[in-house]
């Protein structure tokens, strides 16, 4: 089984990562903000969207354990997510980048049911 490893260095790269983690799920209690390390970590279970031999490789709606991590994060803010409900499942819809001063910006993790996390 080949492992997929992606890195995003700009908004176009982030769009590719976003496509690969679309419909991933995670638990509220698994999200980790490490302010001293300027890192935000999102462990998740993602669908295998990779294409193999010209067709989608989803024989059994396969999910894989994966991790998203964001470096250089100075601020993290959640909206519509109850951090006290650690077992609640979040379904990731997309990741957006909003540019401020190049190359800096804000990353927004958008979840179903109105939840979002903003990383600066």
C-alpha atoms as a PDB file:
ATOM      1  CA  UNK A   1       0.000   0.000   0.000  1.00  0.00           C
ATOM      2  CA  UNK A   2       1.528   3.286  -1.114  1.00  0.00           C
ATOM      3  CA  UNK A   3       1.267   6.172   1.294  1.00  0.00           C
ATOM      4  CA  UNK A   4       0.257   9.577   0.031  1.00  0.00           C
ATOM      5  CA  UNK A   5       2.364  12.487   1.288  1.00  0.00           C
ATOM      6  CA  UNK A   6       1.472  16.023   0.288  1.00  0.00           C
ATOM      7  CA  UNK A   7       2.821  19.440   1.248  1.00  0.00           C
ATOM      8  CA  UNK A   8       1.208  22.785   0.554  1.00  0.00           C
ATOM      9  CA  UNK A   9       3.411  25.824   0.053  1.00  0.00           C
ATOM     10  CA  UNK A  10       0.850  28.078  -1.627  1.00  0.00           C
ATOM     11  CA  UNK A  11      -2.889  28.412  -2.243  1.00  0.00           C
ATOM     12  CA  UNK A  12      -2.816  26.123  -5.303  1.00  0.00           C
ATOM     13  CA  UNK A  13      -1.079  23.384  -3.321  1.00  0.00           C
ATOM     14  CA  UNK A  14      -3.588  23.783  -0.518  1.00  0.00           C
ATOM     15  CA  UNK A  15      -6.430  23.241  -2.996  1.00  0.00           C
ATOM     16  CA  UNK A  16      -4.915  19.860  -3.892  1.00  0.00           C
ATOM     17  CA  UNK A  17      -4.607  18.890  -0.225  1.00  0.00           C
ATOM     18  CA  UNK A  18      -8.185  20.054   0.356  1.00  0.00           C
ATOM     19  CA  UNK A  19      -9.438  17.786  -2.440  1.00  0.00           C
ATOM     20  CA  UNK A  20      -7.702  14.779  -0.886  1.00  0.00           C
ATOM     21  CA  UNK A  21      -9.127  15.373   2.591  1.00  0.00           C
ATOM     22  CA  UNK A  22     -12.649  16.301   1.496  1.00  0.00           C
ATOM     23  CA  UNK A  23     -15.223  14.362   3.552  1.00  0.00           C
ATOM     24  CA  UNK A  24     -12.638  13.285   6.121  1.00  0.00           C
ATOM     25  CA  UNK A  25     -13.809  12.853   9.692  1.00  0.00           C
ATOM     26  CA  UNK A  26     -12.165  13.639  13.001  1.00  0.00           C
ATOM     27  CA  UNK A  27     -13.244  13.960  16.627  1.00  0.00           C
ATOM     28  CA  UNK A  28     -13.284  17.272  18.445  1.00  0.00           C
ATOM     29  CA  UNK A  29     -11.056  15.841  21.175  1.00  0.00           C
ATOM     30  CA  UNK A  30      -8.398  14.791  18.650  1.00  0.00           C
ATOM     31  CA  UNK A  31      -7.715  18.341  17.434  1.00  0.00           C
ATOM     32  CA  UNK A  32      -4.469  19.660  18.914  1.00  0.00           C
ATOM     33  CA  UNK A  33      -3.244  23.269  19.126  1.00  0.00           C
ATOM     34  CA  UNK A  34       0.407  23.483  20.207  1.00  0.00           C
ATOM     35  CA  UNK A  35       1.031  27.231  20.654  1.00  0.00           C
ATOM     36  CA  UNK A  36       4.628  26.822  21.891  1.00  0.00           C
ATOM     37  CA  UNK A  37       5.439  24.892  18.690  1.00  0.00           C
ATOM     38  CA  UNK A  38       3.209  27.095  16.490  1.00  0.00           C
ATOM     39  CA  UNK A  39       1.553  23.921  15.213  1.00  0.00           C
ATOM     40  CA  UNK A  40      -2.052  22.820  14.724  1.00  0.00           C
ATOM     41  CA  UNK A  41      -2.684  19.098  14.251  1.00  0.00           C
ATOM     42  CA  UNK A  42      -5.764  17.440  12.762  1.00  0.00           C
ATOM     43  CA  UNK A  43      -5.761  13.615  12.868  1.00  0.00           C
ATOM     44  CA  UNK A  44      -8.414  12.333  10.503  1.00  0.00           C
ATOM     45  CA  UNK A  45      -9.854   9.405   8.609  1.00  0.00           C
ATOM     46  CA  UNK A  46      -9.990  10.298   4.940  1.00  0.00           C
ATOM     47  CA  UNK A  47     -11.518   8.653   1.899  1.00  0.00           C
ATOM     48  CA  UNK A  48      -9.007   7.265  -0.554  1.00  0.00           C
ATOM     49  CA  UNK A  49      -9.567   9.597  -3.512  1.00  0.00           C
ATOM     50  CA  UNK A  50      -6.348   8.679  -5.345  1.00  0.00           C
ATOM     51  CA  UNK A  51      -6.705   7.561  -8.923  1.00  0.00           C
ATOM     52  CA  UNK A  52      -5.201   4.233  -9.919  1.00  0.00           C
ATOM     53  CA  UNK A  53      -5.152   2.976 -13.512  1.00  0.00           C
ATOM     54  CA  UNK A  54      -7.589   5.661 -14.642  1.00  0.00           C
ATOM     55  CA  UNK A  55     -10.365   4.947 -12.158  1.00  0.00           C
ATOM     56  CA  UNK A  56     -11.131   5.905  -8.602  1.00  0.00           C
ATOM     57  CA  UNK A  57      -9.798   3.475  -6.068  1.00  0.00           C
ATOM     58  CA  UNK A  58     -12.773   3.169  -3.726  1.00  0.00           C
ATOM     59  CA  UNK A  59     -13.652  -0.527  -3.787  1.00  0.00           C
ATOM     60  CA  UNK A  60     -15.121  -0.489  -0.273  1.00  0.00           C
ATOM     61  CA  UNK A  61     -15.301   3.218   0.504  1.00  0.00           C
ATOM     62  CA  UNK A  62     -11.850   2.835   2.000  1.00  0.00           C
ATOM     63  CA  UNK A  63     -10.689   5.321   4.615  1.00  0.00           C
ATOM     64  CA  UNK A  64      -7.147   5.823   5.827  1.00  0.00           C
ATOM     65  CA  UNK A  65      -5.788   7.270   9.017  1.00  0.00           C
ATOM     66  CA  UNK A  66      -4.064  10.523   8.125  1.00  0.00           C
ATOM     67  CA  UNK A  67      -2.766  13.672   9.756  1.00  0.00           C
ATOM     68  CA  UNK A  68      -2.912  17.282   8.657  1.00  0.00           C
ATOM     69  CA  UNK A  69      -0.562  19.629  10.416  1.00  0.00           C
ATOM     70  CA  UNK A  70      -0.081  23.320   9.964  1.00  0.00           C
ATOM     71  CA  UNK A  71       3.188  25.009  10.889  1.00  0.00           C
ATOM     72  CA  UNK A  72       3.822  28.638  11.824  1.00  0.00           C
ATOM     73  CA  UNK A  73       0.375  29.027  13.375  1.00  0.00           C
ATOM     74  CA  UNK A  74       0.219  31.986  15.752  1.00  0.00           C
ATOM     75  CA  UNK A  75      -3.519  31.919  16.476  1.00  0.00           C
ATOM     76  CA  UNK A  76      -6.305  29.326  16.345  1.00  0.00           C
ATOM     77  CA  UNK A  77     -10.001  30.059  16.712  1.00  0.00           C
ATOM     78  CA  UNK A  78     -12.988  27.694  16.536  1.00  0.00           C
ATOM     79  CA  UNK A  79     -16.543  28.629  15.618  1.00  0.00           C
ATOM     80  CA  UNK A  80     -19.598  26.369  15.849  1.00  0.00           C
ATOM     81  CA  UNK A  81     -17.584  23.607  17.558  1.00  0.00           C
ATOM     82  CA  UNK A  82     -18.218  22.706  21.197  1.00  0.00           C
ATOM     83  CA  UNK A  83     -14.748  21.854  22.528  1.00  0.00           C
ATOM     84  CA  UNK A  84     -16.286  20.223  25.627  1.00  0.00           C
ATOM     85  CA  UNK A  85     -17.913  17.504  23.468  1.00  0.00           C
ATOM     86  CA  UNK A  86     -14.704  15.630  22.732  1.00  0.00           C
ATOM     87  CA  UNK A  87     -16.439  12.634  21.111  1.00  0.00           C
ATOM     88  CA  UNK A  88     -18.381  14.731  18.576  1.00  0.00           C
ATOM     89  CA  UNK A  89     -17.443  13.859  15.007  1.00  0.00           C
ATOM     90  CA  UNK A  90     -16.550  16.625  12.568  1.00  0.00           C
ATOM     91  CA  UNK A  91     -16.771  16.117   8.810  1.00  0.00           C
ATOM     92  CA  UNK A  92     -14.299  18.274   6.877  1.00  0.00           C
ATOM     93  CA  UNK A  93     -15.795  19.897   3.798  1.00  0.00           C
ATOM     94  CA  UNK A  94     -12.920  22.038   2.565  1.00  0.00           C
ATOM     95  CA  UNK A  95      -9.802  23.999   3.438  1.00  0.00           C
ATOM     96  CA  UNK A  96      -9.605  27.630   2.351  1.00  0.00           C
ATOM     97  CA  UNK A  97      -6.735  30.122   2.284  1.00  0.00           C
ATOM     98  CA  UNK A  98      -7.303  33.846   2.690  1.00  0.00           C
ATOM     99  CA  UNK A  99      -4.199  35.896   1.895  1.00  0.00           C
ATOM    100  CA  UNK A 100      -3.203  38.802   4.125  1.00  0.00           C
ATOM    101  CA  UNK A 101       0.389  39.890   3.574  1.00  0.00           C
ATOM    102  CA  UNK A 102       2.183  37.503   1.211  1.00  0.00           C
ATOM    103  CA  UNK A 103       3.062  34.801   2.035  1.00  0.00           C
ATOM    104  CA  UNK A 104       1.049  35.059   5.268  1.00  0.00           C
ATOM    105  CA  UNK A 105      -2.650  34.475   5.504  1.00  0.00           C
ATOM    106  CA  UNK A 106      -5.449  32.677   7.251  1.00  0.00           C
ATOM    107  CA  UNK A 107      -6.378  29.051   6.757  1.00  0.00           C
ATOM    108  CA  UNK A 108      -9.983  28.082   7.345  1.00  0.00           C
ATOM    109  CA  UNK A 109     -11.035  24.485   7.969  1.00  0.00           C
ATOM    110  CA  UNK A 110     -14.741  24.263   7.114  1.00  0.00           C
ATOM    111  CA  UNK A 111     -16.780  21.444   8.634  1.00  0.00           C
ATOM    112  CA  UNK A 112     -20.346  20.312   8.014  1.00  0.00           C
ATOM    113  CA  UNK A 113     -23.075  21.630  10.338  1.00  0.00           C
ATOM    114  CA  UNK A 114     -21.480  25.089  10.408  1.00  0.00           C
ATOM    115  CA  UNK A 115     -18.273  24.367  12.297  1.00  0.00           C
ATOM    116  CA  UNK A 116     -15.033  26.085  11.337  1.00  0.00           C
ATOM    117  CA  UNK A 117     -11.497  26.582  12.568  1.00  0.00           C
ATOM    118  CA  UNK A 118      -9.440  29.614  11.580  1.00  0.00           C
ATOM    119  CA  UNK A 119      -5.649  29.461  11.747  1.00  0.00           C
ATOM    120  CA  UNK A 120      -3.444  32.535  11.404  1.00  0.00           C
END
